[in-house]
Amino acid sequence: MSKVDELIAANRREREESYRRLALKLYPHVCGRCAREFSGKRLSELTVHHRDHNHDNNPADGSNWELLCLYCHDNEHARYTDQQYYREATPGSDKPATATYKALGDLARLLGKS
């Protein structure tokens, strides 16, 4: 890792620690999705999620943040990634396409029923 990369990483860690500290002062120590409470050593399992997914958008009032536990935070990012992938997979369409696959659609034929 080059010296520049190390400086950038250190700056990012420092910035993340500062908005995390502020978010923990502003909000109760509860996950915004599953409502689990955190305290003591388990407080490290509570993360700051950026609602607009822009980690550079850190207003002092915390309006772009919510506290999520590790599990809910991972789930939120997975949902966002899926949404972005789905949009790219259906170009030119503003509304999502409906599912066409029917898992048990051919079951009657397989069972010999008409």
N, C-alpha and C. Protein backbone atom coordinates (compact mmCIF):
# COMPACT_ATOMS: atom_id res chain seq x y z
N MET A 1 0.85 -1.17 0.00
CA MET A 1 0.00 0.00 0.00
C MET A 1 0.90 1.24 0.00
N SER A 2 0.58 2.16 -0.89
CA SER A 2 1.40 3.36 -0.99
C SER A 2 1.08 4.33 0.14
N LYS A 3 1.95 5.30 0.30
CA LYS A 3 1.78 6.32 1.35
C LYS A 3 0.48 7.11 1.14
N VAL A 4 0.15 7.41 -0.10
CA VAL A 4 -1.08 8.15 -0.41
C VAL A 4 -2.30 7.32 -0.01
N ASP A 5 -2.29 6.03 -0.34
CA ASP A 5 -3.40 5.14 0.02
C ASP A 5 -3.56 5.05 1.53
N GLU A 6 -2.44 5.01 2.24
CA GLU A 6 -2.50 4.95 3.70
C GLU A 6 -3.11 6.22 4.28
N LEU A 7 -2.74 7.39 3.72
CA LEU A 7 -3.29 8.66 4.19
C LEU A 7 -4.79 8.75 3.92
N ILE A 8 -5.21 8.31 2.74
CA ILE A 8 -6.63 8.32 2.40
C ILE A 8 -7.41 7.41 3.33
N ALA A 9 -6.89 6.22 3.59
CA ALA A 9 -7.56 5.26 4.49
C ALA A 9 -7.65 5.83 5.91
N ALA A 10 -6.59 6.46 6.37
CA ALA A 10 -6.60 7.04 7.71
C ALA A 10 -7.61 8.18 7.81
N ASN A 11 -7.68 9.01 6.78
CA ASN A 11 -8.64 10.10 6.75
C ASN A 11 -10.07 9.56 6.77
N ARG A 12 -10.32 8.52 5.99
CA ARG A 12 -11.66 7.92 5.95
C ARG A 12 -12.05 7.34 7.31
N ARG A 13 -11.12 6.64 7.96
CA ARG A 13 -11.40 6.08 9.29
C ARG A 13 -11.71 7.17 10.30
N GLU A 14 -10.95 8.25 10.25
CA GLU A 14 -11.16 9.37 11.17
C GLU A 14 -12.54 10.01 10.95
N ARG A 15 -12.89 10.20 9.69
CA ARG A 15 -14.19 10.78 9.37
C ARG A 15 -15.33 9.87 9.83
N GLU A 16 -15.19 8.56 9.59
CA GLU A 16 -16.22 7.61 10.01
C GLU A 16 -16.37 7.59 11.52
N GLU A 17 -15.27 7.67 12.25
CA GLU A 17 -15.33 7.68 13.71
C GLU A 17 -16.04 8.94 14.21
N SER A 18 -15.82 10.08 13.54
CA SER A 18 -16.43 11.33 14.00
C SER A 18 -17.94 11.32 13.78
N TYR A 19 -18.43 10.87 12.61
CA TYR A 19 -19.87 10.87 12.43
C TYR A 19 -20.53 9.73 13.20
N ARG A 20 -19.82 8.66 13.46
CA ARG A 20 -20.38 7.60 14.31
C ARG A 20 -20.57 8.11 15.74
N ARG A 21 -19.56 8.80 16.24
CA ARG A 21 -19.63 9.35 17.60
C ARG A 21 -20.82 10.31 17.71
N LEU A 22 -21.00 11.17 16.70
CA LEU A 22 -22.11 12.12 16.71
C LEU A 22 -23.46 11.39 16.60
N ALA A 23 -23.54 10.39 15.74
CA ALA A 23 -24.79 9.64 15.57
C ALA A 23 -25.18 8.94 16.86
N LEU A 24 -24.20 8.41 17.59
CA LEU A 24 -24.49 7.73 18.85
C LEU A 24 -24.96 8.72 19.92
N LYS A 25 -24.58 9.99 19.78
CA LYS A 25 -25.08 11.01 20.72
C LYS A 25 -26.50 11.44 20.35
N LEU A 26 -26.79 11.51 19.05
CA LEU A 26 -28.07 12.00 18.58
C LEU A 26 -29.21 10.99 18.72
N TYR A 27 -28.92 9.73 18.48
CA TYR A 27 -29.97 8.72 18.40
C TYR A 27 -29.89 7.75 19.57
N PRO A 28 -31.04 7.18 19.95
CA PRO A 28 -31.01 6.13 20.98
C PRO A 28 -30.27 4.90 20.42
N HIS A 29 -29.71 4.13 21.28
CA HIS A 29 -28.90 2.98 20.86
C HIS A 29 -29.79 1.78 20.54
N VAL A 30 -30.61 1.97 19.53
CA VAL A 30 -31.58 0.97 19.10
C VAL A 30 -31.49 0.85 17.59
N CYS A 31 -31.56 -0.37 17.07
CA CYS A 31 -31.55 -0.58 15.62
C CYS A 31 -32.84 -0.02 15.03
N GLY A 32 -32.72 0.76 13.99
CA GLY A 32 -33.86 1.38 13.35
C GLY A 32 -34.75 0.41 12.60
N ARG A 33 -34.33 -0.83 12.41
CA ARG A 33 -35.15 -1.81 11.70
C ARG A 33 -35.72 -2.87 12.64
N CYS A 34 -34.87 -3.55 13.37
CA CYS A 34 -35.35 -4.66 14.20
C CYS A 34 -35.63 -4.24 15.64
N ALA A 35 -35.29 -3.01 15.99
CA ALA A 35 -35.56 -2.42 17.31
C ALA A 35 -34.81 -3.08 18.46
N ARG A 36 -33.74 -3.81 18.17
CA ARG A 36 -32.91 -4.36 19.25
C ARG A 36 -32.14 -3.23 19.91
N GLU A 37 -31.99 -3.33 21.22
CA GLU A 37 -31.25 -2.32 21.98
C GLU A 37 -29.81 -2.78 22.16
N PHE A 38 -28.89 -1.81 22.18
CA PHE A 38 -27.48 -2.11 22.31
C PHE A 38 -26.86 -1.25 23.40
N SER A 39 -25.96 -1.86 24.16
CA SER A 39 -25.23 -1.13 25.20
C SER A 39 -23.93 -1.87 25.49
N GLY A 40 -23.05 -1.20 26.20
CA GLY A 40 -21.79 -1.81 26.60
C GLY A 40 -20.95 -2.25 25.41
N LYS A 41 -20.38 -3.46 25.51
CA LYS A 41 -19.52 -3.99 24.45
C LYS A 41 -20.30 -4.22 23.15
N ARG A 42 -21.59 -4.49 23.26
CA ARG A 42 -22.40 -4.79 22.07
C ARG A 42 -22.72 -3.54 21.27
N LEU A 43 -22.38 -2.36 21.79
CA LEU A 43 -22.62 -1.12 21.06
C LEU A 43 -21.83 -1.10 19.75
N SER A 44 -20.74 -1.86 19.70
CA SER A 44 -19.95 -1.92 18.47
C SER A 44 -20.71 -2.61 17.34
N GLU A 45 -21.79 -3.34 17.65
CA GLU A 45 -22.60 -4.01 16.63
C GLU A 45 -23.60 -3.06 15.97
N LEU A 46 -23.68 -1.84 16.47
CA LEU A 46 -24.59 -0.84 15.92
C LEU A 46 -23.81 0.03 14.94
N THR A 47 -24.29 0.13 13.72
CA THR A 47 -23.58 0.86 12.67
C THR A 47 -24.38 2.08 12.22
N VAL A 48 -23.69 3.01 11.59
CA VAL A 48 -24.35 4.19 11.03
C VAL A 48 -24.61 3.91 9.55
N HIS A 49 -25.88 3.95 9.18
CA HIS A 49 -26.27 3.74 7.78
C HIS A 49 -26.62 5.08 7.16
N HIS A 50 -26.11 5.35 5.98
CA HIS A 50 -26.43 6.58 5.24
C HIS A 50 -27.67 6.30 4.39
N ARG A 51 -28.73 7.00 4.67
CA ARG A 51 -30.01 6.75 3.99
C ARG A 51 -29.91 6.93 2.48
N ASP A 52 -29.12 7.88 2.03
CA ASP A 52 -28.99 8.09 0.58
C ASP A 52 -27.80 7.32 -0.01
N HIS A 53 -27.16 6.50 0.79
CA HIS A 53 -26.01 5.66 0.41
C HIS A 53 -24.80 6.48 -0.03
N ASN A 54 -24.75 7.76 0.35
CA ASN A 54 -23.63 8.63 0.04
C ASN A 54 -22.86 8.88 1.32
N HIS A 55 -21.71 8.26 1.45
CA HIS A 55 -20.92 8.36 2.68
C HIS A 55 -20.25 9.71 2.86
N ASP A 56 -20.32 10.55 1.85
CA ASP A 56 -19.78 11.89 1.97
C ASP A 56 -20.84 12.89 2.43
N ASN A 57 -22.10 12.47 2.48
CA ASN A 57 -23.20 13.33 2.91
C ASN A 57 -23.42 13.12 4.41
N ASN A 58 -22.79 13.96 5.22
CA ASN A 58 -22.83 13.83 6.67
C ASN A 58 -23.26 15.13 7.33
N PRO A 59 -24.55 15.49 7.21
CA PRO A 59 -25.01 16.73 7.85
C PRO A 59 -24.91 16.62 9.37
N ALA A 60 -24.62 17.73 10.01
CA ALA A 60 -24.42 17.74 11.47
C ALA A 60 -25.67 17.37 12.24
N ASP A 61 -26.85 17.57 11.62
CA ASP A 61 -28.09 17.22 12.32
C ASP A 61 -28.42 15.73 12.22
N GLY A 62 -27.63 14.98 11.46
CA GLY A 62 -27.81 13.53 11.36
C GLY A 62 -28.99 13.11 10.51
N SER A 63 -29.50 14.01 9.68
CA SER A 63 -30.70 13.70 8.90
C SER A 63 -30.47 12.63 7.82
N ASN A 64 -29.24 12.34 7.49
CA ASN A 64 -28.96 11.31 6.49
C ASN A 64 -28.54 9.98 7.13
N TRP A 65 -28.62 9.88 8.42
CA TRP A 65 -28.15 8.69 9.13
C TRP A 65 -29.30 7.96 9.81
N GLU A 66 -29.07 6.69 10.00
CA GLU A 66 -29.88 5.91 10.93
C GLU A 66 -28.98 4.82 11.49
N LEU A 67 -29.23 4.46 12.73
CA LEU A 67 -28.45 3.41 13.37
C LEU A 67 -29.10 2.06 13.06
N LEU A 68 -28.28 1.15 12.54
CA LEU A 68 -28.74 -0.19 12.23
C LEU A 68 -27.77 -1.20 12.81
N CYS A 69 -28.28 -2.34 13.25
CA CYS A 69 -27.38 -3.40 13.71
C CYS A 69 -26.65 -3.97 12.49
N LEU A 70 -25.62 -4.74 12.72
CA LEU A 70 -24.83 -5.29 11.63
C LEU A 70 -25.68 -6.08 10.63
N TYR A 71 -26.62 -6.86 11.15
CA TYR A 71 -27.44 -7.72 10.30
C TYR A 71 -28.39 -6.91 9.44
N CYS A 72 -29.08 -5.96 10.04
CA CYS A 72 -30.00 -5.11 9.28
C CYS A 72 -29.25 -4.22 8.29
N HIS A 73 -28.05 -3.78 8.66
CA HIS A 73 -27.25 -2.94 7.77
C HIS A 73 -26.83 -3.74 6.54
N ASP A 74 -26.37 -4.97 6.75
CA ASP A 74 -26.01 -5.82 5.62
C ASP A 74 -27.22 -6.08 4.73
N ASN A 75 -28.37 -6.33 5.36
CA ASN A 75 -29.59 -6.58 4.60
C ASN A 75 -29.99 -5.36 3.78
N GLU A 76 -29.89 -4.19 4.35
CA GLU A 76 -30.24 -2.96 3.65
C GLU A 76 -29.35 -2.75 2.43
N HIS A 77 -28.05 -3.00 2.58
CA HIS A 77 -27.14 -2.83 1.45
C HIS A 77 -27.37 -3.89 0.39
N ALA A 78 -27.71 -5.10 0.79
CA ALA A 78 -28.01 -6.16 -0.17
C ALA A 78 -29.27 -5.79 -0.96
N ARG A 79 -30.27 -5.25 -0.29
CA ARG A 79 -31.49 -4.83 -0.97
C ARG A 79 -31.20 -3.70 -1.96
N TYR A 80 -30.36 -2.77 -1.56
CA TYR A 80 -29.99 -1.65 -2.43
C TYR A 80 -29.23 -2.16 -3.65
N THR A 81 -28.31 -3.08 -3.44
CA THR A 81 -27.54 -3.65 -4.54
C THR A 81 -28.45 -4.39 -5.50
N ASP A 82 -29.38 -5.18 -4.98
CA ASP A 82 -30.34 -5.89 -5.82
C ASP A 82 -31.17 -4.91 -6.64
N GLN A 83 -31.60 -3.83 -6.01
CA GLN A 83 -32.40 -2.82 -6.70
C GLN A 83 -31.62 -2.20 -7.84
N GLN A 84 -30.36 -1.86 -7.59
CA GLN A 84 -29.53 -1.26 -8.64
C GLN A 84 -29.31 -2.25 -9.77
N TYR A 85 -29.06 -3.50 -9.44
CA TYR A 85 -28.85 -4.53 -10.46
C TYR A 85 -30.11 -4.71 -11.29
N TYR A 86 -31.26 -4.74 -10.63
CA TYR A 86 -32.53 -4.95 -11.33
C TYR A 86 -32.81 -3.80 -12.30
N ARG A 87 -32.52 -2.58 -11.88
CA ARG A 87 -32.72 -1.43 -12.76
C ARG A 87 -31.84 -1.54 -14.00
N GLU A 88 -30.59 -1.96 -13.80
CA GLU A 88 -29.67 -2.08 -14.93
C GLU A 88 -30.06 -3.23 -15.84
N ALA A 89 -30.69 -4.26 -15.28
CA ALA A 89 -31.07 -5.44 -16.05
C ALA A 89 -32.29 -5.18 -16.92
N THR A 90 -33.07 -4.15 -16.61
CA THR A 90 -34.26 -3.83 -17.40
C THR A 90 -34.17 -2.40 -17.91
N PRO A 91 -33.28 -2.15 -18.88
CA PRO A 91 -33.11 -0.79 -19.37
C PRO A 91 -34.37 -0.29 -20.09
N GLY A 92 -34.62 1.01 -19.97
CA GLY A 92 -35.74 1.62 -20.65
C GLY A 92 -37.07 1.41 -19.98
N SER A 93 -37.07 0.75 -18.85
CA SER A 93 -38.33 0.50 -18.16
C SER A 93 -38.33 1.22 -16.83
N ASP A 94 -39.30 2.10 -16.63
CA ASP A 94 -39.40 2.82 -15.36
C ASP A 94 -40.11 2.00 -14.31
N LYS A 95 -41.02 1.14 -14.74
CA LYS A 95 -41.71 0.30 -13.76
C LYS A 95 -41.17 -1.11 -13.84
N PRO A 96 -41.08 -1.78 -12.73
CA PRO A 96 -40.48 -3.12 -12.74
C PRO A 96 -41.33 -4.11 -13.52
N ALA A 97 -40.65 -5.02 -14.18
CA ALA A 97 -41.34 -6.07 -14.92
C ALA A 97 -41.91 -7.09 -13.93
N THR A 98 -43.00 -7.72 -14.32
CA THR A 98 -43.59 -8.73 -13.45
C THR A 98 -42.86 -10.06 -13.65
N ALA A 99 -42.90 -10.87 -12.63
CA ALA A 99 -42.24 -12.17 -12.71
C ALA A 99 -42.99 -13.06 -13.70
N THR A 100 -42.25 -13.81 -14.50
CA THR A 100 -42.88 -14.70 -15.47
C THR A 100 -42.70 -16.16 -15.11
N TYR A 101 -41.81 -16.47 -14.21
CA TYR A 101 -41.56 -17.85 -13.81
C TYR A 101 -42.54 -18.27 -12.74
N LYS A 102 -43.14 -19.42 -12.92
CA LYS A 102 -44.06 -19.97 -11.93
C LYS A 102 -43.47 -21.28 -11.45
N ALA A 103 -43.02 -21.30 -10.21
CA ALA A 103 -42.29 -22.44 -9.67
C ALA A 103 -43.07 -23.75 -9.76
N LEU A 104 -44.36 -23.72 -9.49
CA LEU A 104 -45.17 -24.94 -9.50
C LEU A 104 -46.15 -24.95 -10.68
N GLY A 105 -45.87 -24.17 -11.70
CA GLY A 105 -46.78 -24.03 -12.83
C GLY A 105 -47.03 -25.32 -13.58
N ASP A 106 -46.09 -26.22 -13.61
CA ASP A 106 -46.21 -27.46 -14.38
C ASP A 106 -46.47 -28.66 -13.46
N LEU A 107 -46.83 -28.41 -12.25
CA LEU A 107 -47.03 -29.49 -11.26
C LEU A 107 -48.16 -30.43 -11.65
N ALA A 108 -49.26 -29.89 -12.13
CA ALA A 108 -50.40 -30.74 -12.51
C ALA A 108 -49.98 -31.74 -13.59
N ARG A 109 -49.24 -31.30 -14.58
CA ARG A 109 -48.80 -32.20 -15.65
C ARG A 109 -47.87 -33.26 -15.10
N LEU A 110 -46.96 -32.85 -14.22
CA LEU A 110 -46.02 -33.82 -13.64
C LEU A 110 -46.73 -34.87 -12.79
N LEU A 111 -47.81 -34.51 -12.18
CA LEU A 111 -48.57 -35.45 -11.35
C LEU A 111 -49.58 -36.25 -12.18
N GLY A 112 -49.65 -35.95 -13.47
CA GLY A 112 -50.56 -36.70 -14.34
C GLY A 112 -51.99 -36.24 -14.27
N LYS A 113 -52.21 -35.04 -13.76
CA LYS A 113 -53.56 -34.49 -13.69
C LYS A 113 -53.74 -33.47 -14.79
N SER A 114 -54.92 -33.35 -15.26
CA SER A 114 -55.17 -32.36 -16.33
C SER A 114 -55.84 -31.13 -15.82
